[in-house]
Amino acid sequence: MAIDNPRMKRERKTINAMVKIYCKGNHKTKSTFCKDCQTLLDYAFERLSNCPYKKNKPTCRNCTIHCFNEPEKLKFRKIMRYAGPRIIFKNPILAIHHLIDGFKK
């Protein structure tokens, strides 16, 4: 299923950027993802493509539907805790958009 609205594209970019920051910092990868991070990224994109909110999607923290299985949810929390503070330096525009999206209801 194609993700064609701006909100979902931005969410996809944010997820990709956070996993990239985490993988590079923890698994010492250069330009690609390690196997575990790529599998988790593919899982996240699959879940995102099935999101019932579509263009009105809240940030994951504010979402009332937690569509990740528990093991993946815990892995993503770890990624977000690591990459969240660092994304402002790596991709400030994306970080600001994500912050604004977090305030939208």
PDB file of N, CA and C in Angstrom:
ATOM      1  N   MET A   1       0.839  -1.176   0.000  1.00  0.00           N
ATOM      2  CA  MET A   1       0.000   0.000   0.000  1.00  0.00           C
ATOM      3  C   MET A   1       0.886   1.242   0.000  1.00  0.00           C
ATOM      4  N   ALA A   2       0.636   2.161  -0.887  1.00  0.00           N
ATOM      5  CA  ALA A   2       1.453   3.354  -1.008  1.00  0.00           C
ATOM      6  C   ALA A   2       1.118   4.363   0.085  1.00  0.00           C
ATOM      7  N   ILE A   3       2.137   4.996   0.567  1.00  0.00           N
ATOM      8  CA  ILE A   3       1.969   6.065   1.539  1.00  0.00           C
ATOM      9  C   ILE A   3       2.143   7.356   0.749  1.00  0.00           C
ATOM     10  N   ASP A   4       1.023   8.059   0.502  1.00  0.00           N
ATOM     11  CA  ASP A   4       1.106   9.185  -0.400  1.00  0.00           C
ATOM     12  C   ASP A   4       0.776  10.529   0.224  1.00  0.00           C
ATOM     13  N   ASN A   5       0.324  10.577   1.452  1.00  0.00           N
ATOM     14  CA  ASN A   5       0.029  11.881   2.034  1.00  0.00           C
ATOM     15  C   ASN A   5       1.258  12.401   2.791  1.00  0.00           C
ATOM     16  N   PRO A   6       1.378  13.720   2.905  1.00  0.00           N
ATOM     17  CA  PRO A   6       2.573  14.316   3.514  1.00  0.00           C
ATOM     18  C   PRO A   6       2.849  13.849   4.941  1.00  0.00           C
ATOM     19  N   ARG A   7       1.811  13.673   5.746  1.00  0.00           N
ATOM     20  CA  ARG A   7       2.000  13.256   7.142  1.00  0.00           C
ATOM     21  C   ARG A   7       2.632  11.871   7.221  1.00  0.00           C
ATOM     22  N   MET A   8       2.137  10.946   6.430  1.00  0.00           N
ATOM     23  CA  MET A   8       2.665   9.581   6.458  1.00  0.00           C
ATOM     24  C   MET A   8       4.077   9.529   5.866  1.00  0.00           C
ATOM     25  N   LYS A   9       4.340  10.316   4.836  1.00  0.00           N
ATOM     26  CA  LYS A   9       5.698  10.377   4.271  1.00  0.00           C
ATOM     27  C   LYS A   9       6.677  10.902   5.312  1.00  0.00           C
ATOM     28  N   ARG A  10       6.259  11.922   6.034  1.00  0.00           N
ATOM     29  CA  ARG A  10       7.102  12.498   7.077  1.00  0.00           C
ATOM     30  C   ARG A  10       7.350  11.488   8.196  1.00  0.00           C
ATOM     31  N   GLU A  11       6.337  10.741   8.562  1.00  0.00           N
ATOM     32  CA  GLU A  11       6.496   9.722   9.604  1.00  0.00           C
ATOM     33  C   GLU A  11       7.474   8.635   9.148  1.00  0.00           C
ATOM     34  N   ARG A  12       7.364   8.259   7.901  1.00  0.00           N
ATOM     35  CA  ARG A  12       8.278   7.256   7.337  1.00  0.00           C
ATOM     36  C   ARG A  12       9.726   7.767   7.361  1.00  0.00           C
ATOM     37  N   LYS A  13       9.915   9.029   6.984  1.00  0.00           N
ATOM     38  CA  LYS A  13      11.260   9.623   7.009  1.00  0.00           C
ATOM     39  C   LYS A  13      11.796   9.698   8.432  1.00  0.00           C
ATOM     40  N   THR A  14      10.927  10.019   9.374  1.00  0.00           N
ATOM     41  CA  THR A  14      11.343  10.117  10.771  1.00  0.00           C
ATOM     42  C   THR A  14      11.779   8.761  11.305  1.00  0.00           C
ATOM     43  N   ILE A  15      11.004   7.748  11.040  1.00  0.00           N
ATOM     44  CA  ILE A  15      11.348   6.389  11.482  1.00  0.00           C
ATOM     45  C   ILE A  15      12.681   5.970  10.871  1.00  0.00           C
ATOM     46  N   ASN A  16      12.833   6.205   9.569  1.00  0.00           N
ATOM     47  CA  ASN A  16      14.061   5.841   8.871  1.00  0.00           C
ATOM     48  C   ASN A  16      15.265   6.569   9.486  1.00  0.00           C
ATOM     49  N   ALA A  17      15.129   7.861   9.734  1.00  0.00           N
ATOM     50  CA  ALA A  17      16.223   8.653  10.295  1.00  0.00           C
ATOM     51  C   ALA A  17      16.593   8.176  11.694  1.00  0.00           C
ATOM     52  N   MET A  18      15.597   7.860  12.513  1.00  0.00           N
ATOM     53  CA  MET A  18      15.874   7.413  13.881  1.00  0.00           C
ATOM     54  C   MET A  18      16.575   6.059  13.902  1.00  0.00           C
ATOM     55  N   VAL A  19      16.115   5.141  13.064  1.00  0.00           N
ATOM     56  CA  VAL A  19      16.759   3.827  13.014  1.00  0.00           C
ATOM     57  C   VAL A  19      18.188   3.967  12.477  1.00  0.00           C
ATOM     58  N   LYS A  20      18.383   4.846  11.522  1.00  0.00           N
ATOM     59  CA  LYS A  20      19.723   5.067  10.959  1.00  0.00           C
ATOM     60  C   LYS A  20      20.679   5.614  12.026  1.00  0.00           C
ATOM     61  N   ILE A  21      20.219   6.585  12.794  1.00  0.00           N
ATOM     62  CA  ILE A  21      21.037   7.145  13.868  1.00  0.00           C
ATOM     63  C   ILE A  21      21.383   6.068  14.894  1.00  0.00           C
ATOM     64  N   TYR A  22      20.390   5.282  15.272  1.00  0.00           N
ATOM     65  CA  TYR A  22      20.597   4.220  16.260  1.00  0.00           C
ATOM     66  C   TYR A  22      21.560   3.157  15.742  1.00  0.00           C
ATOM     67  N   CYS A  23      21.333   2.708  14.523  1.00  0.00           N
ATOM     68  CA  CYS A  23      22.155   1.630  13.954  1.00  0.00           C
ATOM     69  C   CYS A  23      23.607   2.079  13.804  1.00  0.00           C
ATOM     70  N   LYS A  24      23.787   3.283  13.305  1.00  0.00           N
ATOM     71  CA  LYS A  24      25.140   3.798  13.124  1.00  0.00           C
ATOM     72  C   LYS A  24      25.847   3.975  14.467  1.00  0.00           C
ATOM     73  N   GLY A  25      25.126   4.454  15.466  1.00  0.00           N
ATOM     74  CA  GLY A  25      25.724   4.688  16.771  1.00  0.00           C
ATOM     75  C   GLY A  25      25.965   3.442  17.594  1.00  0.00           C
ATOM     76  N   ASN A  26      25.107   2.450  17.450  1.00  0.00           N
ATOM     77  CA  ASN A  26      25.212   1.247  18.280  1.00  0.00           C
ATOM     78  C   ASN A  26      25.795   0.039  17.576  1.00  0.00           C
ATOM     79  N   HIS A  27      25.594  -0.043  16.285  1.00  0.00           N
ATOM     80  CA  HIS A  27      26.070  -1.204  15.539  1.00  0.00           C
ATOM     81  C   HIS A  27      27.210  -0.854  14.596  1.00  0.00           C
ATOM     82  N   LYS A  28      27.617   0.418  14.636  1.00  0.00           N
ATOM     83  CA  LYS A  28      28.776   0.923  13.875  1.00  0.00           C
ATOM     84  C   LYS A  28      28.673   0.679  12.378  1.00  0.00           C
ATOM     85  N   THR A  29      27.454   0.777  11.848  1.00  0.00           N
ATOM     86  CA  THR A  29      27.271   0.640  10.400  1.00  0.00           C
ATOM     87  C   THR A  29      27.633   1.952   9.725  1.00  0.00           C
ATOM     88  N   LYS A  30      27.938   1.897   8.453  1.00  0.00           N
ATOM     89  CA  LYS A  30      28.322   3.107   7.712  1.00  0.00           C
ATOM     90  C   LYS A  30      27.133   3.648   6.923  1.00  0.00           C
ATOM     91  N   SER A  31      26.833   3.043   5.795  1.00  0.00           N
ATOM     92  CA  SER A  31      25.782   3.587   4.921  1.00  0.00           C
ATOM     93  C   SER A  31      24.542   2.700   4.830  1.00  0.00           C
ATOM     94  N   THR A  32      24.598   1.517   5.383  1.00  0.00           N
ATOM     95  CA  THR A  32      23.455   0.613   5.337  1.00  0.00           C
ATOM     96  C   THR A  32      23.044   0.254   6.763  1.00  0.00           C
ATOM     97  N   PHE A  33      21.916  -0.415   6.870  1.00  0.00           N
ATOM     98  CA  PHE A  33      21.442  -0.882   8.168  1.00  0.00           C
ATOM     99  C   PHE A  33      21.963  -2.299   8.406  1.00  0.00           C
ATOM    100  N   CYS A  34      22.163  -2.639   9.678  1.00  0.00           N
ATOM    101  CA  CYS A  34      22.479  -4.030   9.996  1.00  0.00           C
ATOM    102  C   CYS A  34      21.209  -4.854   9.762  1.00  0.00           C
ATOM    103  N   LYS A  35      21.348  -6.148   9.775  1.00  0.00           N
ATOM    104  CA  LYS A  35      20.219  -7.035   9.486  1.00  0.00           C
ATOM    105  C   LYS A  35      19.069  -6.826  10.477  1.00  0.00           C
ATOM    106  N   ASP A  36      19.382  -6.722  11.759  1.00  0.00           N
ATOM    107  CA  ASP A  36      18.334  -6.554  12.779  1.00  0.00           C
ATOM    108  C   ASP A  36      17.588  -5.233  12.611  1.00  0.00           C
ATOM    109  N   CYS A  37      18.334  -4.164  12.364  1.00  0.00           N
ATOM    110  CA  CYS A  37      17.690  -2.857  12.193  1.00  0.00           C
ATOM    111  C   CYS A  37      16.873  -2.803  10.908  1.00  0.00           C
ATOM    112  N   GLN A  38      17.365  -3.437   9.854  1.00  0.00           N
ATOM    113  CA  GLN A  38      16.608  -3.453   8.601  1.00  0.00           C
ATOM    114  C   GLN A  38      15.302  -4.229   8.773  1.00  0.00           C
ATOM    115  N   THR A  39      15.350  -5.339   9.495  1.00  0.00           N
ATOM    116  CA  THR A  39      14.142  -6.120   9.766  1.00  0.00           C
ATOM    117  C   THR A  39      13.145  -5.304  10.576  1.00  0.00           C
ATOM    118  N   LEU A  40      13.622  -4.599  11.580  1.00  0.00           N
ATOM    119  CA  LEU A  40      12.761  -3.764  12.403  1.00  0.00           C
ATOM    120  C   LEU A  40      12.190  -2.598  11.599  1.00  0.00           C
ATOM    121  N   LEU A  41      12.988  -2.020  10.726  1.00  0.00           N
ATOM    122  CA  LEU A  41      12.529  -0.924   9.872  1.00  0.00           C
ATOM    123  C   LEU A  41      11.448  -1.409   8.912  1.00  0.00           C
ATOM    124  N   ASP A  42      11.661  -2.564   8.313  1.00  0.00           N
ATOM    125  CA  ASP A  42      10.649  -3.140   7.419  1.00  0.00           C
ATOM    126  C   ASP A  42       9.339  -3.396   8.173  1.00  0.00           C
ATOM    127  N   TYR A  43       9.452  -3.890   9.386  1.00  0.00           N
ATOM    128  CA  TYR A  43       8.275  -4.142  10.228  1.00  0.00           C
ATOM    129  C   TYR A  43       7.539  -2.830  10.503  1.00  0.00           C
ATOM    130  N   ALA A  44       8.279  -1.793  10.846  1.00  0.00           N
ATOM    131  CA  ALA A  44       7.670  -0.501  11.147  1.00  0.00           C
ATOM    132  C   ALA A  44       6.963   0.074   9.930  1.00  0.00           C
ATOM    133  N   PHE A  45       7.585  -0.040   8.763  1.00  0.00           N
ATOM    134  CA  PHE A  45       6.969   0.476   7.543  1.00  0.00           C
ATOM    135  C   PHE A  45       5.703  -0.300   7.192  1.00  0.00           C
ATOM    136  N   GLU A  46       5.706  -1.587   7.445  1.00  0.00           N
ATOM    137  CA  GLU A  46       4.511  -2.407   7.203  1.00  0.00           C
ATOM    138  C   GLU A  46       3.378  -1.971   8.129  1.00  0.00           C
ATOM    139  N   ARG A  47       3.713  -1.765   9.400  1.00  0.00           N
ATOM    140  CA  ARG A  47       2.695  -1.325  10.358  1.00  0.00           C
ATOM    141  C   ARG A  47       2.188   0.071   9.989  1.00  0.00           C
ATOM    142  N   LEU A  48       3.087   0.941   9.567  1.00  0.00           N
ATOM    143  CA  LEU A  48       2.711   2.302   9.178  1.00  0.00           C
ATOM    144  C   LEU A  48       1.780   2.294   7.966  1.00  0.00           C
ATOM    145  N   SER A  49       2.046   1.418   7.030  1.00  0.00           N
ATOM    146  CA  SER A  49       1.203   1.367   5.829  1.00  0.00           C
ATOM    147  C   SER A  49      -0.214   0.889   6.148  1.00  0.00           C
ATOM    148  N   ASN A  50      -0.392   0.222   7.289  1.00  0.00           N
ATOM    149  CA  ASN A  50      -1.713  -0.251   7.699  1.00  0.00           C
ATOM    150  C   ASN A  50      -2.361   0.629   8.765  1.00  0.00           C
ATOM    151  N   CYS A  51      -1.783   1.789   9.015  1.00  0.00           N
ATOM    152  CA  CYS A  51      -2.297   2.680  10.057  1.00  0.00           C
ATOM    153  C   CYS A  51      -3.693   3.171   9.682  1.00  0.00           C
ATOM    154  N   PRO A  52      -4.664   3.019  10.575  1.00  0.00           N
ATOM    155  CA  PRO A  52      -6.030   3.464  10.260  1.00  0.00           C
ATOM    156  C   PRO A  52      -6.184   4.983  10.257  1.00  0.00           C
ATOM    157  N   TYR A  53      -5.252   5.717  10.840  1.00  0.00           N
ATOM    158  CA  TYR A  53      -5.369   7.173  10.924  1.00  0.00           C
ATOM    159  C   TYR A  53      -4.968   7.894   9.631  1.00  0.00           C
ATOM    160  N   LYS A  54      -4.069   7.294   8.857  1.00  0.00           N
ATOM    161  CA  LYS A  54      -3.570   7.883   7.604  1.00  0.00           C
ATOM    162  C   LYS A  54      -3.099   9.321   7.812  1.00  0.00           C
ATOM    163  N   LYS A  55      -3.718  10.294   7.132  1.00  0.00           N
ATOM    164  CA  LYS A  55      -3.193  11.663   7.194  1.00  0.00           C
ATOM    165  C   LYS A  55      -3.381  12.316   8.558  1.00  0.00           C
ATOM    166  N   ASN A  56      -4.212  11.764   9.398  1.00  0.00           N
ATOM    167  CA  ASN A  56      -4.414  12.298  10.749  1.00  0.00           C
ATOM    168  C   ASN A  56      -3.635  11.513  11.798  1.00  0.00           C
ATOM    169  N   LYS A  57      -2.632  10.777  11.365  1.00  0.00           N
ATOM    170  CA  LYS A  57      -1.871   9.930  12.278  1.00  0.00           C
ATOM    171  C   LYS A  57      -1.181  10.756  13.360  1.00  0.00           C
ATOM    172  N   PRO A  58      -1.386  10.381  14.615  1.00  0.00           N
ATOM    173  CA  PRO A  58      -0.647  11.047  15.690  1.00  0.00           C
ATOM    174  C   PRO A  58       0.775  10.467  15.751  1.00  0.00           C
ATOM    175  N   THR A  59       1.638  11.099  16.499  1.00  0.00           N
ATOM    176  CA  THR A  59       2.944  10.498  16.721  1.00  0.00           C
ATOM    177  C   THR A  59       2.731   9.232  17.541  1.00  0.00           C
ATOM    178  N   CYS A  60       3.663   8.333  17.490  1.00  0.00           N
ATOM    179  CA  CYS A  60       3.496   7.046  18.170  1.00  0.00           C
ATOM    180  C   CYS A  60       3.231   7.216  19.669  1.00  0.00           C
ATOM    181  N   ARG A  61       3.882   8.186  20.274  1.00  0.00           N
ATOM    182  CA  ARG A  61       3.698   8.425  21.702  1.00  0.00           C
ATOM    183  C   ARG A  61       2.243   8.776  22.021  1.00  0.00           C
ATOM    184  N   ASN A  62       1.574   9.496  21.129  1.00  0.00           N
ATOM    185  CA  ASN A  62       0.204   9.952  21.359  1.00  0.00           C
ATOM    186  C   ASN A  62      -0.853   9.031  20.758  1.00  0.00           C
ATOM    187  N   CYS A  63      -0.447   7.952  20.162  1.00  0.00           N
ATOM    188  CA  CYS A  63      -1.384   7.068  19.481  1.00  0.00           C
ATOM    189  C   CYS A  63      -2.172   6.220  20.486  1.00  0.00           C
ATOM    190  N   THR A  64      -3.456   6.073  20.218  1.00  0.00           N
ATOM    191  CA  THR A  64      -4.299   5.250  21.090  1.00  0.00           C
ATOM    192  C   THR A  64      -4.284   3.788  20.666  1.00  0.00           C
ATOM    193  N   ILE A  65      -3.819   3.525  19.442  1.00  0.00           N
ATOM    194  CA  ILE A  65      -3.703   2.160  18.936  1.00  0.00           C
ATOM    195  C   ILE A  65      -2.220   1.825  18.850  1.00  0.00           C
ATOM    196  N   HIS A  66      -1.795   0.883  19.643  1.00  0.00           N
ATOM    197  CA  HIS A  66      -0.384   0.488  19.580  1.00  0.00           C
ATOM    198  C   HIS A  66      -0.290  -0.785  18.753  1.00  0.00           C
ATOM    199  N   CYS A  67       0.104  -0.605  17.506  1.00  0.00           N
ATOM    200  CA  CYS A  67       0.025  -1.697  16.541  1.00  0.00           C
ATOM    201  C   CYS A  67       1.266  -2.587  16.526  1.00  0.00           C
ATOM    202  N   PHE A  68       2.317  -2.218  17.261  1.00  0.00           N
ATOM    203  CA  PHE A  68       3.513  -3.049  17.295  1.00  0.00           C
ATOM    204  C   PHE A  68       3.329  -4.179  18.298  1.00  0.00           C
ATOM    205  N   ASN A  69       3.888  -5.326  17.992  1.00  0.00           N
ATOM    206  CA  ASN A  69       3.943  -6.405  18.968  1.00  0.00           C
ATOM    207  C   ASN A  69       4.878  -5.965  20.092  1.00  0.00           C
ATOM    208  N   GLU A  70       4.710  -6.534  21.254  1.00  0.00           N
ATOM    209  CA  GLU A  70       5.461  -6.094  22.432  1.00  0.00           C
ATOM    210  C   GLU A  70       6.987  -6.119  22.243  1.00  0.00           C
ATOM    211  N   PRO A  71       7.592  -7.178  21.690  1.00  0.00           N
ATOM    212  CA  PRO A  71       9.055  -7.156  21.528  1.00  0.00           C
ATOM    213  C   PRO A  71       9.532  -6.015  20.617  1.00  0.00           C
ATOM    214  N   GLU A  72       8.811  -5.769  19.531  1.00  0.00           N
ATOM    215  CA  GLU A  72       9.184  -4.700  18.614  1.00  0.00           C
ATOM    216  C   GLU A  72       8.952  -3.333  19.248  1.00  0.00           C
ATOM    217  N   LYS A  73       7.898  -3.230  20.028  1.00  0.00           N
ATOM    218  CA  LYS A  73       7.605  -1.971  20.716  1.00  0.00           C
ATOM    219  C   LYS A  73       8.751  -1.609  21.657  1.00  0.00           C
ATOM    220  N   LEU A  74       9.255  -2.584  22.384  1.00  0.00           N
ATOM    221  CA  LEU A  74      10.370  -2.337  23.298  1.00  0.00           C
ATOM    222  C   LEU A  74      11.633  -1.947  22.542  1.00  0.00           C
ATOM    223  N   LYS A  75      11.873  -2.596  21.402  1.00  0.00           N
ATOM    224  CA  LYS A  75      13.036  -2.238  20.584  1.00  0.00           C
ATOM    225  C   LYS A  75      12.920  -0.812  20.068  1.00  0.00           C
ATOM    226  N   PHE A  76      11.728  -0.424  19.641  1.00  0.00           N
ATOM    227  CA  PHE A  76      11.549   0.928  19.123  1.00  0.00           C
ATOM    228  C   PHE A  76      11.645   1.975  20.222  1.00  0.00           C
ATOM    229  N   ARG A  77      11.221   1.659  21.405  1.00  0.00           N
ATOM    230  CA  ARG A  77      11.396   2.606  22.517  1.00  0.00           C
ATOM    231  C   ARG A  77      12.888   2.861  22.750  1.00  0.00           C
ATOM    232  N   LYS A  78      13.657   1.798  22.687  1.00  0.00           N
ATOM    233  CA  LYS A  78      15.105   1.922  22.861  1.00  0.00           C
ATOM    234  C   LYS A  78      15.698   2.804  21.752  1.00  0.00           C
ATOM    235  N   ILE A  79      15.251   2.590  20.535  1.00  0.00           N
ATOM    236  CA  ILE A  79      15.724   3.384  19.403  1.00  0.00           C
ATOM    237  C   ILE A  79      15.331   4.848  19.587  1.00  0.00           C
ATOM    238  N   MET A  80      14.083   5.098  19.966  1.00  0.00           N
ATOM    239  CA  MET A  80      13.607   6.473  20.129  1.00  0.00           C
ATOM    240  C   MET A  80      14.330   7.192  21.262  1.00  0.00           C
ATOM    241  N   ARG A  81      14.607   6.480  22.316  1.00  0.00           N
ATOM    242  CA  ARG A  81      15.334   7.104  23.434  1.00  0.00           C
ATOM    243  C   ARG A  81      16.762   7.473  23.038  1.00  0.00           C
ATOM    244  N   TYR A  82      17.353   6.662  22.197  1.00  0.00           N
ATOM    245  CA  TYR A  82      18.710   6.950  21.739  1.00  0.00           C
ATOM    246  C   TYR A  82      18.711   8.024  20.652  1.00  0.00           C
ATOM    247  N   ALA A  83      17.868   7.847  19.649  1.00  0.00           N
ATOM    248  CA  ALA A  83      17.899   8.716  18.465  1.00  0.00           C
ATOM    249  C   ALA A  83      17.139  10.027  18.647  1.00  0.00           C
ATOM    250  N   GLY A  84      16.143  10.040  19.508  1.00  0.00           N
ATOM    251  CA  GLY A  84      15.329  11.235  19.695  1.00  0.00           C
ATOM    252  C   GLY A  84      16.131  12.496  19.976  1.00  0.00           C
ATOM    253  N   PRO A  85      17.000  12.471  20.987  1.00  0.00           N
ATOM    254  CA  PRO A  85      17.789  13.670  21.269  1.00  0.00           C
ATOM    255  C   PRO A  85      18.828  13.995  20.182  1.00  0.00           C
ATOM    256  N   ARG A  86      19.228  13.012  19.416  1.00  0.00           N
ATOM    257  CA  ARG A  86      20.266  13.220  18.403  1.00  0.00           C
ATOM    258  C   ARG A  86      19.723  13.682  17.055  1.00  0.00           C
ATOM    259  N   ILE A  87      18.449  13.421  16.799  1.00  0.00           N
ATOM    260  CA  ILE A  87      17.883  13.741  15.488  1.00  0.00           C
ATOM    261  C   ILE A  87      17.859  15.252  15.235  1.00  0.00           C
ATOM    262  N   ILE A  88      17.779  16.036  16.288  1.00  0.00           N
ATOM    263  CA  ILE A  88      17.765  17.488  16.125  1.00  0.00           C
ATOM    264  C   ILE A  88      19.063  17.975  15.475  1.00  0.00           C
ATOM    265  N   PHE A  89      20.163  17.284  15.698  1.00  0.00           N
ATOM    266  CA  PHE A  89      21.443  17.668  15.102  1.00  0.00           C
ATOM    267  C   PHE A  89      21.637  17.068  13.717  1.00  0.00           C
ATOM    268  N   LYS A  90      21.060  15.907  13.486  1.00  0.00           N
ATOM    269  CA  LYS A  90      21.213  15.209  12.198  1.00  0.00           C
ATOM    270  C   LYS A  90      20.220  15.702  11.155  1.00  0.00           C
ATOM    271  N   ASN A  91      18.993  15.975  11.590  1.00  0.00           N
ATOM    272  CA  ASN A  91      17.948  16.398  10.667  1.00  0.00           C
ATOM    273  C   ASN A  91      16.987  17.346  11.405  1.00  0.00           C
ATOM    274  N   PRO A  92      17.402  18.598  11.608  1.00  0.00           N
ATOM    275  CA  PRO A  92      16.602  19.510  12.423  1.00  0.00           C
ATOM    276  C   PRO A  92      15.204  19.807  11.868  1.00  0.00           C
ATOM    277  N   ILE A  93      15.072  19.903  10.563  1.00  0.00           N
ATOM    278  CA  ILE A  93      13.755  20.186   9.975  1.00  0.00           C
ATOM    279  C   ILE A  93      12.781  19.048  10.282  1.00  0.00           C
ATOM    280  N   LEU A  94      13.236  17.828  10.080  1.00  0.00           N
ATOM    281  CA  LEU A  94      12.406  16.662  10.363  1.00  0.00           C
ATOM    282  C   LEU A  94      12.052  16.600  11.848  1.00  0.00           C
ATOM    283  N   ALA A  95      13.008  16.909  12.704  1.00  0.00           N
ATOM    284  CA  ALA A  95      12.769  16.890  14.147  1.00  0.00           C
ATOM    285  C   ALA A  95      11.720  17.928  14.545  1.00  0.00           C
ATOM    286  N   ILE A  96      11.796  19.102  13.957  1.00  0.00           N
ATOM    287  CA  ILE A  96      10.826  20.159  14.265  1.00  0.00           C
ATOM    288  C   ILE A  96       9.428  19.766  13.792  1.00  0.00           C
ATOM    289  N   HIS A  97       9.345  19.214  12.594  1.00  0.00           N
ATOM    290  CA  HIS A  97       8.038  18.740  12.097  1.00  0.00           C
ATOM    291  C   HIS A  97       7.467  17.662  13.015  1.00  0.00           C
ATOM    292  N   HIS A  98       8.319  16.749  13.466  1.00  0.00           N
ATOM    293  CA  HIS A  98       7.858  15.683  14.349  1.00  0.00           C
ATOM    294  C   HIS A  98       7.377  16.253  15.685  1.00  0.00           C
ATOM    295  N   LEU A  99       8.076  17.260  16.180  1.00  0.00           N
ATOM    296  CA  LEU A  99       7.670  17.914  17.417  1.00  0.00           C
ATOM    297  C   LEU A  99       6.305  18.581  17.247  1.00  0.00           C
ATOM    298  N   ILE A 100       6.114  19.268  16.130  1.00  0.00           N
ATOM    299  CA  ILE A 100       4.837  19.913  15.845  1.00  0.00           C
ATOM    300  C   ILE A 100       3.732  18.866  15.701  1.00  0.00           C
ATOM    301  N   ASP A 101       4.025  17.777  15.000  1.00  0.00           N
ATOM    302  CA  ASP A 101       3.033  16.706  14.840  1.00  0.00           C
ATOM    303  C   ASP A 101       2.633  16.135  16.202  1.00  0.00           C
ATOM    304  N   GLY A 102       3.545  16.139  17.143  1.00  0.00           N
ATOM    305  CA  GLY A 102       3.256  15.628  18.488  1.00  0.00           C
ATOM    306  C   GLY A 102       2.248  16.467  19.240  1.00  0.00           C
ATOM    307  N   PHE A 103       2.152  17.748  18.895  1.00  0.00           N
ATOM    308  CA  PHE A 103       1.200  18.639  19.555  1.00  0.00           C
ATOM    309  C   PHE A 103      -0.175  18.616  18.910  1.00  0.00           C
ATOM    310  N   LYS A 104      -0.253  18.089  17.689  1.00  0.00           N
ATOM    311  CA  LYS A 104      -1.551  18.039  16.997  1.00  0.00           C
ATOM    312  C   LYS A 104      -2.405  16.928  17.583  1.00  0.00           C
ATOM    313  N   LYS A 105      -3.675  17.164  17.659  1.00  0.00           N
ATOM    314  CA  LYS A 105      -4.608  16.162  18.178  1.00  0.00           C
ATOM    315  C   LYS A 105      -5.265  15.423  17.046  1.00  0.00           C
TER     316      LYS A 105
END
